[in-house]
N, C-alpha and C. Protein backbone atom coordinates (compact mmCIF):
# COMPACT_ATOMS: atom_id res chain seq x y z
N MET A 1 0.84 -1.17 0.00
CA MET A 1 0.00 0.00 0.00
C MET A 1 0.89 1.24 0.00
N TYR A 2 0.56 2.20 -0.85
CA TYR A 2 1.28 3.46 -0.85
C TYR A 2 0.32 4.59 -1.19
N ALA A 3 0.79 5.81 -0.93
CA ALA A 3 -0.03 6.99 -1.18
C ALA A 3 0.84 8.06 -1.80
N VAL A 4 0.20 8.99 -2.50
CA VAL A 4 0.87 10.17 -3.02
C VAL A 4 0.30 11.36 -2.24
N ILE A 5 1.19 12.07 -1.54
CA ILE A 5 0.76 13.20 -0.73
C ILE A 5 1.37 14.48 -1.28
N GLU A 6 0.76 15.60 -0.90
CA GLU A 6 1.29 16.90 -1.29
C GLU A 6 1.55 17.71 -0.03
N THR A 7 2.75 18.24 0.09
CA THR A 7 3.11 19.13 1.18
C THR A 7 4.24 20.03 0.72
N GLY A 8 4.15 21.28 1.08
CA GLY A 8 5.19 22.22 0.69
C GLY A 8 5.25 22.48 -0.81
N GLY A 9 4.14 22.25 -1.52
CA GLY A 9 4.13 22.47 -2.96
C GLY A 9 4.77 21.36 -3.76
N LYS A 10 5.11 20.26 -3.11
CA LYS A 10 5.73 19.12 -3.79
C LYS A 10 4.93 17.86 -3.51
N GLN A 11 5.07 16.88 -4.38
CA GLN A 11 4.37 15.62 -4.21
C GLN A 11 5.36 14.51 -3.87
N TYR A 12 4.96 13.63 -2.96
CA TYR A 12 5.81 12.53 -2.52
C TYR A 12 5.03 11.23 -2.55
N LYS A 13 5.68 10.17 -3.02
CA LYS A 13 5.10 8.82 -2.97
C LYS A 13 5.63 8.18 -1.68
N VAL A 14 4.71 7.81 -0.77
CA VAL A 14 5.11 7.29 0.53
C VAL A 14 4.39 5.99 0.83
N ALA A 15 5.06 5.15 1.61
CA ALA A 15 4.49 3.90 2.11
C ALA A 15 4.76 3.86 3.61
N VAL A 16 4.09 2.97 4.32
CA VAL A 16 4.28 2.85 5.76
C VAL A 16 5.72 2.44 6.05
N GLY A 17 6.35 3.18 6.96
CA GLY A 17 7.74 2.90 7.33
C GLY A 17 8.76 3.74 6.57
N ASP A 18 8.35 4.43 5.53
CA ASP A 18 9.28 5.26 4.76
C ASP A 18 9.72 6.47 5.58
N LYS A 19 10.96 6.89 5.33
CA LYS A 19 11.47 8.14 5.90
C LYS A 19 11.60 9.13 4.75
N VAL A 20 11.04 10.32 4.96
CA VAL A 20 11.03 11.30 3.88
C VAL A 20 11.35 12.68 4.46
N GLU A 21 12.02 13.51 3.67
CA GLU A 21 12.34 14.88 4.06
C GLU A 21 11.45 15.82 3.26
N VAL A 22 10.68 16.65 3.97
CA VAL A 22 9.75 17.57 3.33
C VAL A 22 10.08 18.99 3.78
N GLU A 23 9.43 19.97 3.16
CA GLU A 23 9.59 21.36 3.57
C GLU A 23 9.23 21.49 5.05
N LEU A 24 9.75 22.51 5.70
CA LEU A 24 9.60 22.69 7.13
C LEU A 24 8.13 22.70 7.55
N LEU A 25 7.79 21.85 8.53
CA LEU A 25 6.45 21.76 9.08
C LEU A 25 6.49 22.09 10.57
N ALA A 26 5.40 22.61 11.10
CA ALA A 26 5.32 22.89 12.52
C ALA A 26 5.14 21.57 13.26
N GLY A 27 5.95 21.34 14.25
CA GLY A 27 5.85 20.11 15.04
C GLY A 27 7.16 19.82 15.73
N GLU A 28 7.06 19.32 16.94
CA GLU A 28 8.24 18.98 17.73
C GLU A 28 8.70 17.56 17.40
N THR A 29 9.94 17.26 17.71
CA THR A 29 10.50 15.94 17.50
C THR A 29 9.72 14.91 18.31
N GLY A 30 9.32 13.83 17.67
CA GLY A 30 8.55 12.77 18.33
C GLY A 30 7.05 12.96 18.25
N GLU A 31 6.60 14.10 17.78
CA GLU A 31 5.17 14.40 17.70
C GLU A 31 4.56 13.71 16.48
N LEU A 32 3.31 13.26 16.61
CA LEU A 32 2.55 12.66 15.51
C LEU A 32 1.81 13.77 14.78
N ILE A 33 2.01 13.89 13.47
CA ILE A 33 1.30 14.90 12.70
C ILE A 33 0.49 14.22 11.60
N GLU A 34 -0.50 14.92 11.11
CA GLU A 34 -1.38 14.40 10.07
C GLU A 34 -1.14 15.19 8.79
N LEU A 35 -0.99 14.47 7.68
CA LEU A 35 -0.82 15.08 6.37
C LEU A 35 -2.13 14.90 5.61
N PRO A 36 -2.97 15.93 5.56
CA PRO A 36 -4.33 15.76 5.04
C PRO A 36 -4.44 15.77 3.51
N ARG A 37 -3.46 16.34 2.79
CA ARG A 37 -3.59 16.45 1.34
C ARG A 37 -3.08 15.17 0.67
N VAL A 38 -3.96 14.18 0.59
CA VAL A 38 -3.65 12.90 -0.04
C VAL A 38 -4.25 12.92 -1.45
N LEU A 39 -3.41 12.74 -2.45
CA LEU A 39 -3.85 12.83 -3.83
C LEU A 39 -4.27 11.47 -4.39
N MET A 40 -3.62 10.40 -3.92
CA MET A 40 -3.91 9.07 -4.46
C MET A 40 -3.52 8.02 -3.44
N VAL A 41 -4.30 6.93 -3.37
CA VAL A 41 -3.99 5.80 -2.51
C VAL A 41 -4.10 4.53 -3.35
N VAL A 42 -3.07 3.69 -3.30
CA VAL A 42 -3.05 2.42 -4.03
C VAL A 42 -2.92 1.30 -3.02
N ASP A 43 -3.89 0.37 -3.02
CA ASP A 43 -3.90 -0.76 -2.10
C ASP A 43 -4.17 -2.01 -2.91
N ASP A 44 -3.13 -2.79 -3.20
CA ASP A 44 -3.21 -3.98 -4.06
C ASP A 44 -3.83 -3.61 -5.41
N ASN A 45 -5.05 -4.06 -5.68
CA ASN A 45 -5.68 -3.76 -6.97
C ASN A 45 -6.63 -2.57 -6.89
N ASN A 46 -6.81 -2.01 -5.71
CA ASN A 46 -7.72 -0.89 -5.52
C ASN A 46 -6.96 0.44 -5.62
N ILE A 47 -7.34 1.27 -6.59
CA ILE A 47 -6.69 2.57 -6.79
C ILE A 47 -7.73 3.66 -6.60
N GLN A 48 -7.45 4.59 -5.68
CA GLN A 48 -8.34 5.74 -5.45
C GLN A 48 -7.59 7.01 -5.83
N VAL A 49 -8.18 7.79 -6.71
CA VAL A 49 -7.58 9.04 -7.16
C VAL A 49 -8.50 10.19 -6.78
N GLY A 50 -7.94 11.22 -6.17
CA GLY A 50 -8.73 12.36 -5.73
C GLY A 50 -8.93 13.38 -6.83
N LYS A 51 -9.88 14.27 -6.61
CA LYS A 51 -10.18 15.33 -7.58
C LYS A 51 -10.24 16.67 -6.87
N PRO A 52 -9.20 17.31 -6.44
CA PRO A 52 -7.80 16.92 -6.53
C PRO A 52 -7.32 16.07 -5.35
N THR A 53 -8.05 16.08 -4.21
CA THR A 53 -7.61 15.28 -3.07
C THR A 53 -8.71 14.32 -2.65
N LEU A 54 -8.31 13.30 -1.89
CA LEU A 54 -9.26 12.35 -1.31
C LEU A 54 -9.69 12.91 0.05
N GLU A 55 -10.96 13.18 0.21
CA GLU A 55 -11.46 13.82 1.42
C GLU A 55 -11.34 12.93 2.66
N GLN A 56 -11.61 11.64 2.54
CA GLN A 56 -11.61 10.76 3.69
C GLN A 56 -10.24 10.17 4.00
N ALA A 57 -9.28 10.33 3.13
CA ALA A 57 -7.95 9.74 3.33
C ALA A 57 -7.05 10.67 4.12
N LYS A 58 -6.15 10.06 4.92
CA LYS A 58 -5.15 10.84 5.62
C LYS A 58 -3.93 9.98 5.89
N VAL A 59 -2.80 10.64 6.01
CA VAL A 59 -1.53 9.97 6.29
C VAL A 59 -1.00 10.56 7.58
N THR A 60 -0.60 9.69 8.52
CA THR A 60 -0.01 10.17 9.75
C THR A 60 1.47 9.84 9.76
N ALA A 61 2.24 10.74 10.35
CA ALA A 61 3.70 10.58 10.36
C ALA A 61 4.26 11.09 11.68
N THR A 62 5.41 10.57 12.06
CA THR A 62 6.12 11.01 13.25
C THR A 62 7.26 11.93 12.82
N VAL A 63 7.40 13.05 13.51
CA VAL A 63 8.49 13.98 13.23
C VAL A 63 9.76 13.42 13.85
N LEU A 64 10.77 13.16 13.00
CA LEU A 64 12.04 12.65 13.48
C LEU A 64 13.00 13.78 13.84
N GLY A 65 12.79 14.95 13.26
CA GLY A 65 13.66 16.09 13.55
C GLY A 65 13.66 17.06 12.39
N THR A 66 14.46 18.10 12.53
CA THR A 66 14.61 19.08 11.47
C THR A 66 16.08 19.16 11.09
N LYS A 67 16.34 19.59 9.89
CA LYS A 67 17.71 19.76 9.42
C LYS A 67 17.72 20.78 8.30
N ARG A 68 18.88 21.09 7.82
CA ARG A 68 19.01 22.02 6.71
C ARG A 68 19.48 21.24 5.50
N GLY A 69 18.92 21.58 4.36
CA GLY A 69 19.26 20.90 3.12
C GLY A 69 20.62 21.36 2.59
N PRO A 70 21.01 20.83 1.45
CA PRO A 70 22.29 21.22 0.87
C PRO A 70 22.26 22.67 0.39
N LYS A 71 23.43 23.30 0.37
CA LYS A 71 23.50 24.69 -0.06
C LYS A 71 23.38 24.76 -1.58
N VAL A 72 22.53 25.67 -2.04
CA VAL A 72 22.37 25.94 -3.45
C VAL A 72 23.00 27.30 -3.69
N VAL A 73 24.01 27.35 -4.55
CA VAL A 73 24.71 28.60 -4.83
C VAL A 73 24.31 29.10 -6.20
N PHE A 74 23.97 30.39 -6.29
CA PHE A 74 23.69 30.96 -7.59
C PHE A 74 24.52 32.22 -7.76
N PHE A 75 24.99 32.43 -8.96
CA PHE A 75 25.94 33.48 -9.26
C PHE A 75 25.44 34.24 -10.47
N THR A 76 25.32 35.54 -10.34
CA THR A 76 24.91 36.37 -11.47
C THR A 76 25.99 37.40 -11.75
N TYR A 77 26.16 37.73 -13.00
CA TYR A 77 27.11 38.76 -13.35
C TYR A 77 26.71 39.38 -14.68
N ARG A 78 27.22 40.58 -14.89
CA ARG A 78 27.04 41.27 -16.16
C ARG A 78 28.42 41.44 -16.77
N ALA A 79 28.59 40.89 -17.93
CA ALA A 79 29.89 40.92 -18.58
C ALA A 79 30.36 42.37 -18.81
N LYS A 80 31.62 42.61 -18.56
CA LYS A 80 32.29 43.90 -18.82
C LYS A 80 31.78 45.04 -17.96
N GLU A 81 31.04 44.75 -16.88
CA GLU A 81 30.50 45.83 -16.04
C GLU A 81 30.97 45.73 -14.59
N HIS A 82 31.80 44.76 -14.25
CA HIS A 82 32.26 44.54 -12.88
C HIS A 82 31.08 44.40 -11.91
N SER A 83 30.02 43.80 -12.38
CA SER A 83 28.84 43.56 -11.55
C SER A 83 28.71 42.06 -11.34
N ARG A 84 29.01 41.65 -10.11
CA ARG A 84 28.94 40.23 -9.79
C ARG A 84 28.24 40.07 -8.44
N ARG A 85 27.46 38.97 -8.33
CA ARG A 85 26.80 38.70 -7.05
C ARG A 85 26.72 37.19 -6.86
N LYS A 86 27.25 36.72 -5.75
CA LYS A 86 27.21 35.30 -5.41
C LYS A 86 26.34 35.15 -4.17
N ARG A 87 25.31 34.34 -4.28
CA ARG A 87 24.37 34.13 -3.18
C ARG A 87 24.21 32.64 -2.94
N GLY A 88 23.78 32.29 -1.74
CA GLY A 88 23.52 30.89 -1.42
C GLY A 88 22.24 30.77 -0.61
N HIS A 89 21.69 29.56 -0.59
CA HIS A 89 20.46 29.30 0.14
C HIS A 89 20.48 27.87 0.65
N ARG A 90 20.04 27.67 1.91
CA ARG A 90 19.85 26.34 2.49
C ARG A 90 18.44 26.25 3.01
N GLN A 91 17.67 25.30 2.49
CA GLN A 91 16.27 25.14 2.87
C GLN A 91 16.16 24.37 4.18
N ASN A 92 15.25 24.80 5.05
CA ASN A 92 14.95 24.06 6.27
C ASN A 92 14.02 22.89 5.93
N LEU A 93 14.35 21.70 6.43
CA LEU A 93 13.61 20.49 6.11
C LEU A 93 13.14 19.81 7.40
N THR A 94 12.05 19.08 7.29
CA THR A 94 11.55 18.26 8.39
C THR A 94 11.65 16.80 7.96
N GLN A 95 12.20 15.98 8.83
CA GLN A 95 12.32 14.55 8.55
C GLN A 95 11.11 13.84 9.17
N LEU A 96 10.43 13.02 8.35
CA LEU A 96 9.23 12.32 8.80
C LEU A 96 9.39 10.82 8.60
N ARG A 97 8.74 10.03 9.48
CA ARG A 97 8.58 8.59 9.27
C ARG A 97 7.09 8.33 9.15
N ILE A 98 6.67 7.71 8.07
CA ILE A 98 5.27 7.47 7.81
C ILE A 98 4.79 6.31 8.70
N GLU A 99 3.75 6.59 9.49
CA GLU A 99 3.22 5.59 10.43
C GLU A 99 2.02 4.84 9.88
N SER A 100 1.07 5.56 9.26
CA SER A 100 -0.12 4.88 8.76
C SER A 100 -0.71 5.63 7.58
N ILE A 101 -1.41 4.87 6.74
CA ILE A 101 -2.15 5.43 5.61
C ILE A 101 -3.58 4.93 5.75
N GLN A 102 -4.52 5.87 5.86
CA GLN A 102 -5.93 5.50 6.01
C GLN A 102 -6.67 6.01 4.79
N ALA A 103 -7.36 5.08 4.11
CA ALA A 103 -8.06 5.45 2.87
C ALA A 103 -9.52 5.67 3.13
């Protein structure tokens, strides 16, 4: 059994026991949170697809902690103008372990 969920503007395919890193969510380490935006649930031969979400479905997960993602560096310049700018960004992430999928 697996589900496709949406959080932080991204979609993730998750199954029970999976560990996944998503955009920063409110929640303390060890807390159980509910991910309500379930787009699809597949259970053996039964496939449920939402329009756009499944109203009765939900995915629960345990917060394992928070961390920062890899640094993304972007560099802009204008040739022959001595205009250069180097910037970086590290996204805050939440680590989750999927506990249950309810369809």
